[in-house]
Amino acid sequence: MANQVDASLSQLYISTDRDRERERERERNVIIERERERERERERECVLQIPVRPFRHDEYERFIRAAYPYYSACFSMVYFVPSLIFFLLVK
């Protein structure tokens, strides 16, 4: 009889340990799911807060660095063409 009681108690302890472990696993899963949901919410907020619109005409930089070769070509033509015409007419 004592063996049966000991066996049933040990079985009860094992089942309660299993239940506790399952409960801990559920809690971990809930925490992980909450974190994932928060991350998704942050991603949605980031996507929703970024306005995408073209620049207005007065929002561009005055001189764009990538256009310096075009600026130099323009100014060289401004000075080259009149000087060429002058030298051709004087000759």
PDB file of N, CA and C in Angstrom:
ATOM      1  N   MET A   1       0.825  -1.190   0.000  1.00  0.00           N
ATOM      2  CA  MET A   1       0.000   0.000   0.000  1.00  0.00           C
ATOM      3  C   MET A   1       0.874   1.261   0.000  1.00  0.00           C
ATOM      4  N   ALA A   2       1.946   1.225   0.800  1.00  0.00           N
ATOM      5  CA  ALA A   2       2.843   2.377   0.877  1.00  0.00           C
ATOM      6  C   ALA A   2       3.511   2.606  -0.470  1.00  0.00           C
ATOM      7  N   ASN A   3       3.829   1.495  -1.169  1.00  0.00           N
ATOM      8  CA  ASN A   3       4.448   1.637  -2.484  1.00  0.00           C
ATOM      9  C   ASN A   3       3.496   2.292  -3.474  1.00  0.00           C
ATOM     10  N   GLN A   4       2.217   1.914  -3.356  1.00  0.00           N
ATOM     11  CA  GLN A   4       1.238   2.519  -4.259  1.00  0.00           C
ATOM     12  C   GLN A   4       1.095   4.010  -3.974  1.00  0.00           C
ATOM     13  N   VAL A   5       1.101   4.374  -2.689  1.00  0.00           N
ATOM     14  CA  VAL A   5       0.993   5.785  -2.315  1.00  0.00           C
ATOM     15  C   VAL A   5       2.221   6.541  -2.803  1.00  0.00           C
ATOM     16  N   ASP A   6       3.393   5.948  -2.595  1.00  0.00           N
ATOM     17  CA  ASP A   6       4.613   6.588  -3.061  1.00  0.00           C
ATOM     18  C   ASP A   6       4.607   6.732  -4.580  1.00  0.00           C
ATOM     19  N   ALA A   7       4.166   5.708  -5.282  1.00  0.00           N
ATOM     20  CA  ALA A   7       4.107   5.744  -6.736  1.00  0.00           C
ATOM     21  C   ALA A   7       3.120   6.801  -7.211  1.00  0.00           C
ATOM     22  N   SER A   8       1.957   6.868  -6.553  1.00  0.00           N
ATOM     23  CA  SER A   8       0.961   7.855  -6.970  1.00  0.00           C
ATOM     24  C   SER A   8       1.449   9.278  -6.665  1.00  0.00           C
ATOM     25  N   LEU A   9       2.159   9.446  -5.515  1.00  0.00           N
ATOM     26  CA  LEU A   9       2.699  10.773  -5.198  1.00  0.00           C
ATOM     27  C   LEU A   9       3.787  11.172  -6.193  1.00  0.00           C
ATOM     28  N   SER A  10       4.655  10.215  -6.522  1.00  0.00           N
ATOM     29  CA  SER A  10       5.708  10.535  -7.483  1.00  0.00           C
ATOM     30  C   SER A  10       5.097  10.845  -8.855  1.00  0.00           C
ATOM     31  N   GLN A  11       4.037  10.102  -9.201  1.00  0.00           N
ATOM     32  CA  GLN A  11       3.347  10.375 -10.465  1.00  0.00           C
ATOM     33  C   GLN A  11       2.699  11.756 -10.419  1.00  0.00           C
ATOM     34  N   LEU A  12       2.152  12.129  -9.277  1.00  0.00           N
ATOM     35  CA  LEU A  12       1.536  13.443  -9.102  1.00  0.00           C
ATOM     36  C   LEU A  12       2.590  14.536  -9.225  1.00  0.00           C
ATOM     37  N   TYR A  13       3.766  14.321  -8.605  1.00  0.00           N
ATOM     38  CA  TYR A  13       4.843  15.310  -8.709  1.00  0.00           C
ATOM     39  C   TYR A  13       5.319  15.453 -10.157  1.00  0.00           C
ATOM     40  N   ILE A  14       5.425  14.330 -10.838  1.00  0.00           N
ATOM     41  CA  ILE A  14       5.859  14.363 -12.232  1.00  0.00           C
ATOM     42  C   ILE A  14       4.842  15.108 -13.080  1.00  0.00           C
ATOM     43  N   SER A  15       3.555  14.819 -12.849  1.00  0.00           N
ATOM     44  CA  SER A  15       2.530  15.499 -13.645  1.00  0.00           C
ATOM     45  C   SER A  15       2.480  16.988 -13.324  1.00  0.00           C
ATOM     46  N   THR A  16       2.671  17.356 -12.051  1.00  0.00           N
ATOM     47  CA  THR A  16       2.676  18.780 -11.729  1.00  0.00           C
ATOM     48  C   THR A  16       3.917  19.456 -12.310  1.00  0.00           C
ATOM     49  N   ASP A  17       5.049  18.749 -12.325  1.00  0.00           N
ATOM     50  CA  ASP A  17       6.247  19.302 -12.958  1.00  0.00           C
ATOM     51  C   ASP A  17       6.026  19.501 -14.455  1.00  0.00           C
ATOM     52  N   ARG A  18       5.380  18.528 -15.073  1.00  0.00           N
ATOM     53  CA  ARG A  18       5.068  18.653 -16.501  1.00  0.00           C
ATOM     54  C   ARG A  18       4.124  19.827 -16.732  1.00  0.00           C
ATOM     55  N   ASP A  19       3.128  19.943 -15.860  1.00  0.00           N
ATOM     56  CA  ASP A  19       2.184  21.056 -15.992  1.00  0.00           C
ATOM     57  C   ASP A  19       2.893  22.398 -15.830  1.00  0.00           C
ATOM     58  N   ARG A  20       3.788  22.458 -14.856  1.00  0.00           N
ATOM     59  CA  ARG A  20       4.533  23.697 -14.657  1.00  0.00           C
ATOM     60  C   ARG A  20       5.390  24.016 -15.877  1.00  0.00           C
ATOM     61  N   GLU A  21       6.042  22.992 -16.387  1.00  0.00           N
ATOM     62  CA  GLU A  21       6.887  23.200 -17.571  1.00  0.00           C
ATOM     63  C   GLU A  21       6.040  23.643 -18.766  1.00  0.00           C
ATOM     64  N   ARG A  22       4.892  23.034 -18.945  1.00  0.00           N
ATOM     65  CA  ARG A  22       3.988  23.444 -20.026  1.00  0.00           C
ATOM     66  C   ARG A  22       3.520  24.882 -19.828  1.00  0.00           C
ATOM     67  N   GLU A  23       3.210  25.229 -18.606  1.00  0.00           N
ATOM     68  CA  GLU A  23       2.767  26.592 -18.309  1.00  0.00           C
ATOM     69  C   GLU A  23       3.880  27.601 -18.590  1.00  0.00           C
ATOM     70  N   ARG A  24       5.111  27.255 -18.203  1.00  0.00           N
ATOM     71  CA  ARG A  24       6.247  28.125 -18.499  1.00  0.00           C
ATOM     72  C   ARG A  24       6.443  28.273 -20.008  1.00  0.00           C
ATOM     73  N   GLU A  25       6.282  27.171 -20.716  1.00  0.00           N
ATOM     74  CA  GLU A  25       6.416  27.201 -22.174  1.00  0.00           C
ATOM     75  C   GLU A  25       5.330  28.087 -22.788  1.00  0.00           C
ATOM     76  N   ARG A  26       4.116  27.971 -22.286  1.00  0.00           N
ATOM     77  CA  ARG A  26       3.031  28.834 -22.774  1.00  0.00           C
ATOM     78  C   ARG A  26       3.337  30.301 -22.504  1.00  0.00           C
ATOM     79  N   GLU A  27       3.839  30.585 -21.309  1.00  0.00           N
ATOM     80  CA  GLU A  27       4.178  31.969 -20.968  1.00  0.00           C
ATOM     81  C   GLU A  27       5.278  32.493 -21.882  1.00  0.00           C
ATOM     82  N   ARG A  28       6.283  31.667 -22.145  1.00  0.00           N
ATOM     83  CA  ARG A  28       7.351  32.069 -23.067  1.00  0.00           C
ATOM     84  C   ARG A  28       6.788  32.362 -24.451  1.00  0.00           C
ATOM     85  N   ASN A  29       5.913  31.484 -24.914  1.00  0.00           N
ATOM     86  CA  ASN A  29       5.319  31.680 -26.234  1.00  0.00           C
ATOM     87  C   ASN A  29       4.486  32.959 -26.284  1.00  0.00           C
ATOM     88  N   VAL A  30       3.764  33.227 -25.201  1.00  0.00           N
ATOM     89  CA  VAL A  30       2.963  34.449 -25.156  1.00  0.00           C
ATOM     90  C   VAL A  30       3.864  35.675 -25.196  1.00  0.00           C
ATOM     91  N   ILE A  31       4.957  35.638 -24.440  1.00  0.00           N
ATOM     92  CA  ILE A  31       5.891  36.763 -24.424  1.00  0.00           C
ATOM     93  C   ILE A  31       6.521  36.959 -25.801  1.00  0.00           C
ATOM     94  N   ILE A  32       6.922  35.869 -26.418  1.00  0.00           N
ATOM     95  CA  ILE A  32       7.523  35.949 -27.753  1.00  0.00           C
ATOM     96  C   ILE A  32       6.520  36.511 -28.753  1.00  0.00           C
ATOM     97  N   GLU A  33       5.288  36.057 -28.672  1.00  0.00           N
ATOM     98  CA  GLU A  33       4.246  36.543 -29.589  1.00  0.00           C
ATOM     99  C   GLU A  33       3.971  38.033 -29.368  1.00  0.00           C
ATOM    100  N   ARG A  34       3.982  38.460 -28.113  1.00  0.00           N
ATOM    101  CA  ARG A  34       3.786  39.889 -27.831  1.00  0.00           C
ATOM    102  C   ARG A  34       4.917  40.713 -28.420  1.00  0.00           C
ATOM    103  N   GLU A  35       6.145  40.222 -28.273  1.00  0.00           N
ATOM    104  CA  GLU A  35       7.289  40.936 -28.837  1.00  0.00           C
ATOM    105  C   GLU A  35       7.192  41.014 -30.362  1.00  0.00           C
ATOM    106  N   ARG A  36       6.796  39.927 -30.975  1.00  0.00           N
ATOM    107  CA  ARG A  36       6.634  39.938 -32.430  1.00  0.00           C
ATOM    108  C   ARG A  36       5.561  40.931 -32.847  1.00  0.00           C
ATOM    109  N   GLU A  37       4.459  40.963 -32.102  1.00  0.00           N
ATOM    110  CA  GLU A  37       3.378  41.899 -32.410  1.00  0.00           C
ATOM    111  C   GLU A  37       3.843  43.341 -32.238  1.00  0.00           C
ATOM    112  N   ARG A  38       4.632  43.610 -31.193  1.00  0.00           N
ATOM    113  CA  ARG A  38       5.175  44.956 -30.996  1.00  0.00           C
ATOM    114  C   ARG A  38       6.093  45.338 -32.145  1.00  0.00           C
ATOM    115  N   GLU A  39       6.901  44.385 -32.576  1.00  0.00           N
ATOM    116  CA  GLU A  39       7.807  44.654 -33.697  1.00  0.00           C
ATOM    117  C   GLU A  39       7.018  44.946 -34.971  1.00  0.00           C
ATOM    118  N   ARG A  40       5.978  44.172 -35.218  1.00  0.00           N
ATOM    119  CA  ARG A  40       5.131  44.429 -36.386  1.00  0.00           C
ATOM    120  C   ARG A  40       4.487  45.807 -36.289  1.00  0.00           C
ATOM    121  N   GLU A  41       4.042  46.159 -35.096  1.00  0.00           N
ATOM    122  CA  GLU A  41       3.415  47.467 -34.882  1.00  0.00           C
ATOM    123  C   GLU A  41       4.424  48.589 -35.136  1.00  0.00           C
ATOM    124  N   ARG A  42       5.663  48.420 -34.670  1.00  0.00           N
ATOM    125  CA  ARG A  42       6.706  49.412 -34.930  1.00  0.00           C
ATOM    126  C   ARG A  42       6.963  49.555 -36.424  1.00  0.00           C
ATOM    127  N   GLU A  43       6.994  48.421 -37.128  1.00  0.00           N
ATOM    128  CA  GLU A  43       7.205  48.472 -38.575  1.00  0.00           C
ATOM    129  C   GLU A  43       6.066  49.212 -39.254  1.00  0.00           C
ATOM    130  N   ARG A  44       4.841  48.952 -38.830  1.00  0.00           N
ATOM    131  CA  ARG A  44       3.696  49.653 -39.417  1.00  0.00           C
ATOM    132  C   ARG A  44       3.787  51.149 -39.146  1.00  0.00           C
ATOM    133  N   GLU A  45       4.177  51.517 -37.919  1.00  0.00           N
ATOM    134  CA  GLU A  45       4.295  52.929 -37.586  1.00  0.00           C
ATOM    135  C   GLU A  45       5.362  53.598 -38.433  1.00  0.00           C
ATOM    136  N   CYS A  46       6.487  52.918 -38.609  1.00  0.00           N
ATOM    137  CA  CYS A  46       7.562  53.496 -39.410  1.00  0.00           C
ATOM    138  C   CYS A  46       7.119  53.699 -40.848  1.00  0.00           C
ATOM    139  N   VAL A  47       6.433  52.732 -41.364  1.00  0.00           N
ATOM    140  CA  VAL A  47       5.985  52.833 -42.748  1.00  0.00           C
ATOM    141  C   VAL A  47       4.947  53.941 -42.888  1.00  0.00           C
ATOM    142  N   LEU A  48       4.088  54.088 -41.921  1.00  0.00           N
ATOM    143  CA  LEU A  48       3.034  55.080 -42.019  1.00  0.00           C
ATOM    144  C   LEU A  48       3.529  56.499 -41.759  1.00  0.00           C
ATOM    145  N   GLN A  49       4.638  56.675 -41.088  1.00  0.00           N
ATOM    146  CA  GLN A  49       5.094  58.002 -40.722  1.00  0.00           C
ATOM    147  C   GLN A  49       6.021  58.637 -41.753  1.00  0.00           C
ATOM    148  N   ILE A  50       6.401  57.917 -42.764  1.00  0.00           N
ATOM    149  CA  ILE A  50       7.340  58.460 -43.746  1.00  0.00           C
ATOM    150  C   ILE A  50       6.552  59.060 -44.909  1.00  0.00           C
ATOM    151  N   PRO A  51       6.570  60.381 -45.055  1.00  0.00           N
ATOM    152  CA  PRO A  51       5.864  60.983 -46.192  1.00  0.00           C
ATOM    153  C   PRO A  51       6.731  60.898 -47.446  1.00  0.00           C
ATOM    154  N   VAL A  52       6.136  60.495 -48.516  1.00  0.00           N
ATOM    155  CA  VAL A  52       6.844  60.426 -49.791  1.00  0.00           C
ATOM    156  C   VAL A  52       6.182  61.428 -50.712  1.00  0.00           C
ATOM    157  N   ARG A  53       6.927  62.456 -51.048  1.00  0.00           N
ATOM    158  CA  ARG A  53       6.396  63.491 -51.913  1.00  0.00           C
ATOM    159  C   ARG A  53       7.558  64.105 -52.678  1.00  0.00           C
ATOM    160  N   PRO A  54       7.299  64.664 -53.815  1.00  0.00           N
ATOM    161  CA  PRO A  54       8.383  65.312 -54.558  1.00  0.00           C
ATOM    162  C   PRO A  54       8.761  66.640 -53.907  1.00  0.00           C
ATOM    163  N   PHE A  55       9.992  67.075 -54.155  1.00  0.00           N
ATOM    164  CA  PHE A  55      10.424  68.365 -53.631  1.00  0.00           C
ATOM    165  C   PHE A  55       9.681  69.492 -54.336  1.00  0.00           C
ATOM    166  N   ARG A  56       9.466  70.567 -53.606  1.00  0.00           N
ATOM    167  CA  ARG A  56       8.937  71.774 -54.230  1.00  0.00           C
ATOM    168  C   ARG A  56      10.072  72.464 -54.964  1.00  0.00           C
ATOM    169  N   HIS A  57       9.724  73.442 -55.799  1.00  0.00           N
ATOM    170  CA  HIS A  57      10.771  74.099 -56.595  1.00  0.00           C
ATOM    171  C   HIS A  57      11.763  74.863 -55.739  1.00  0.00           C
ATOM    172  N   ASP A  58      11.372  75.279 -54.537  1.00  0.00           N
ATOM    173  CA  ASP A  58      12.290  76.040 -53.700  1.00  0.00           C
ATOM    174  C   ASP A  58      12.954  75.189 -52.618  1.00  0.00           C
ATOM    175  N   GLU A  59      12.802  73.885 -52.686  1.00  0.00           N
ATOM    176  CA  GLU A  59      13.398  73.012 -51.690  1.00  0.00           C
ATOM    177  C   GLU A  59      14.682  72.332 -52.176  1.00  0.00           C
ATOM    178  N   TYR A  60      15.037  72.531 -53.431  1.00  0.00           N
ATOM    179  CA  TYR A  60      16.274  71.950 -53.944  1.00  0.00           C
ATOM    180  C   TYR A  60      17.469  72.786 -53.501  1.00  0.00           C
ATOM    181  N   GLU A  61      18.629  72.188 -53.487  1.00  0.00           N
ATOM    182  CA  GLU A  61      19.848  72.944 -53.224  1.00  0.00           C
ATOM    183  C   GLU A  61      20.104  73.891 -54.382  1.00  0.00           C
ATOM    184  N   ARG A  62      20.769  74.990 -54.086  1.00  0.00           N
ATOM    185  CA  ARG A  62      20.999  75.988 -55.133  1.00  0.00           C
ATOM    186  C   ARG A  62      21.960  75.459 -56.196  1.00  0.00           C
ATOM    187  N   PHE A  63      23.055  74.870 -55.770  1.00  0.00           N
ATOM    188  CA  PHE A  63      24.007  74.285 -56.711  1.00  0.00           C
ATOM    189  C   PHE A  63      24.170  72.812 -56.366  1.00  0.00           C
ATOM    190  N   ILE A  64      23.819  71.964 -57.306  1.00  0.00           N
ATOM    191  CA  ILE A  64      23.901  70.525 -57.092  1.00  0.00           C
ATOM    192  C   ILE A  64      25.300  70.075 -57.509  1.00  0.00           C
ATOM    193  N   ARG A  65      25.992  69.376 -56.624  1.00  0.00           N
ATOM    194  CA  ARG A  65      27.375  68.969 -56.897  1.00  0.00           C
ATOM    195  C   ARG A  65      27.491  68.079 -58.134  1.00  0.00           C
ATOM    196  N   ALA A  66      26.520  67.241 -58.356  1.00  0.00           N
ATOM    197  CA  ALA A  66      26.598  66.339 -59.504  1.00  0.00           C
ATOM    198  C   ALA A  66      26.493  67.100 -60.826  1.00  0.00           C
ATOM    199  N   ALA A  67      26.009  68.345 -60.776  1.00  0.00           N
ATOM    200  CA  ALA A  67      25.831  69.112 -62.010  1.00  0.00           C
ATOM    201  C   ALA A  67      27.006  70.037 -62.314  1.00  0.00           C
ATOM    202  N   TYR A  68      28.085  70.006 -61.548  1.00  0.00           N
ATOM    203  CA  TYR A  68      29.228  70.889 -61.781  1.00  0.00           C
ATOM    204  C   TYR A  68      29.805  70.755 -63.198  1.00  0.00           C
ATOM    205  N   PRO A  69      29.906  69.558 -63.756  1.00  0.00           N
ATOM    206  CA  PRO A  69      30.391  69.497 -65.155  1.00  0.00           C
ATOM    207  C   PRO A  69      29.482  70.256 -66.124  1.00  0.00           C
ATOM    208  N   TYR A  70      28.198  70.225 -65.897  1.00  0.00           N
ATOM    209  CA  TYR A  70      27.268  70.947 -66.768  1.00  0.00           C
ATOM    210  C   TYR A  70      27.407  72.454 -66.573  1.00  0.00           C
ATOM    211  N   TYR A  71      27.606  72.867 -65.304  1.00  0.00           N
ATOM    212  CA  TYR A  71      27.827  74.288 -65.046  1.00  0.00           C
ATOM    213  C   TYR A  71      29.081  74.771 -65.759  1.00  0.00           C
ATOM    214  N   SER A  72      30.146  74.005 -65.657  1.00  0.00           N
ATOM    215  CA  SER A  72      31.394  74.420 -66.300  1.00  0.00           C
ATOM    216  C   SER A  72      31.240  74.456 -67.822  1.00  0.00           C
ATOM    217  N   ALA A  73      30.510  73.523 -68.387  1.00  0.00           N
ATOM    218  CA  ALA A  73      30.280  73.534 -69.829  1.00  0.00           C
ATOM    219  C   ALA A  73      29.485  74.764 -70.240  1.00  0.00           C
ATOM    220  N   CYS A  74      28.518  75.110 -69.430  1.00  0.00           N
ATOM    221  CA  CYS A  74      27.694  76.279 -69.731  1.00  0.00           C
ATOM    222  C   CYS A  74      28.524  77.551 -69.692  1.00  0.00           C
ATOM    223  N   PHE A  75      29.307  77.731 -68.635  1.00  0.00           N
ATOM    224  CA  PHE A  75      30.104  78.951 -68.523  1.00  0.00           C
ATOM    225  C   PHE A  75      31.212  79.006 -69.578  1.00  0.00           C
ATOM    226  N   SER A  76      31.760  77.862 -69.911  1.00  0.00           N
ATOM    227  CA  SER A  76      32.793  77.877 -70.951  1.00  0.00           C
ATOM    228  C   SER A  76      32.181  78.266 -72.301  1.00  0.00           C
ATOM    229  N   MET A  77      30.971  77.815 -72.584  1.00  0.00           N
ATOM    230  CA  MET A  77      30.313  78.194 -73.830  1.00  0.00           C
ATOM    231  C   MET A  77      29.962  79.677 -73.826  1.00  0.00           C
ATOM    232  N   VAL A  78      29.576  80.191 -72.658  1.00  0.00           N
ATOM    233  CA  VAL A  78      29.233  81.615 -72.569  1.00  0.00           C
ATOM    234  C   VAL A  78      30.446  82.468 -72.924  1.00  0.00           C
ATOM    235  N   TYR A  79      31.627  82.052 -72.521  1.00  0.00           N
ATOM    236  CA  TYR A  79      32.832  82.831 -72.816  1.00  0.00           C
ATOM    237  C   TYR A  79      33.492  82.431 -74.139  1.00  0.00           C
ATOM    238  N   PHE A  80      33.343  81.207 -74.543  1.00  0.00           N
ATOM    239  CA  PHE A  80      34.030  80.723 -75.743  1.00  0.00           C
ATOM    240  C   PHE A  80      33.353  81.219 -77.022  1.00  0.00           C
ATOM    241  N   VAL A  81      32.048  81.132 -77.096  1.00  0.00           N
ATOM    242  CA  VAL A  81      31.338  81.495 -78.325  1.00  0.00           C
ATOM    243  C   VAL A  81      31.518  82.988 -78.647  1.00  0.00           C
ATOM    244  N   PRO A  82      31.317  83.904 -77.709  1.00  0.00           N
ATOM    245  CA  PRO A  82      31.541  85.317 -78.068  1.00  0.00           C
ATOM    246  C   PRO A  82      32.998  85.605 -78.451  1.00  0.00           C
ATOM    247  N   SER A  83      33.942  84.971 -77.762  1.00  0.00           N
ATOM    248  CA  SER A  83      35.341  85.217 -78.131  1.00  0.00           C
ATOM    249  C   SER A  83      35.640  84.650 -79.517  1.00  0.00           C
ATOM    250  N   LEU A  84      35.058  83.531 -79.876  1.00  0.00           N
ATOM    251  CA  LEU A  84      35.243  82.961 -81.209  1.00  0.00           C
ATOM    252  C   LEU A  84      34.652  83.879 -82.273  1.00  0.00           C
ATOM    253  N   ILE A  85      33.461  84.384 -82.001  1.00  0.00           N
ATOM    254  CA  ILE A  85      32.830  85.302 -82.957  1.00  0.00           C
ATOM    255  C   ILE A  85      33.684  86.574 -83.099  1.00  0.00           C
ATOM    256  N   PHE A  86      34.179  87.077 -81.996  1.00  0.00           N
ATOM    257  CA  PHE A  86      35.021  88.282 -82.034  1.00  0.00           C
ATOM    258  C   PHE A  86      36.264  88.056 -82.882  1.00  0.00           C
ATOM    259  N   PHE A  87      36.954  86.942 -82.663  1.00  0.00           N
ATOM    260  CA  PHE A  87      38.180  86.682 -83.428  1.00  0.00           C
ATOM    261  C   PHE A  87      37.887  86.417 -84.897  1.00  0.00           C
ATOM    262  N   LEU A  88      36.743  85.826 -85.197  1.00  0.00           N
ATOM    263  CA  LEU A  88      36.409  85.584 -86.610  1.00  0.00           C
ATOM    264  C   LEU A  88      36.036  86.889 -87.306  1.00  0.00           C
ATOM    265  N   LEU A  89      35.366  87.794 -86.599  1.00  0.00           N
ATOM    266  CA  LEU A  89      34.992  89.047 -87.214  1.00  0.00           C
ATOM    267  C   LEU A  89      36.169  90.027 -87.364  1.00  0.00           C
ATOM    268  N   VAL A  90      37.086  89.975 -86.439  1.00  0.00           N
ATOM    269  CA  VAL A  90      38.245  90.879 -86.486  1.00  0.00           C
ATOM    270  C   VAL A  90      39.167  90.449 -87.614  1.00  0.00           C
ATOM    271  N   LYS A  91      39.291  89.205 -87.844  1.00  0.00           N
ATOM    272  CA  LYS A  91      40.199  88.699 -88.872  1.00  0.00           C
ATOM    273  C   LYS A  91      39.753  89.065 -90.202  1.00  0.00           C
TER     274      LYS A  91
END
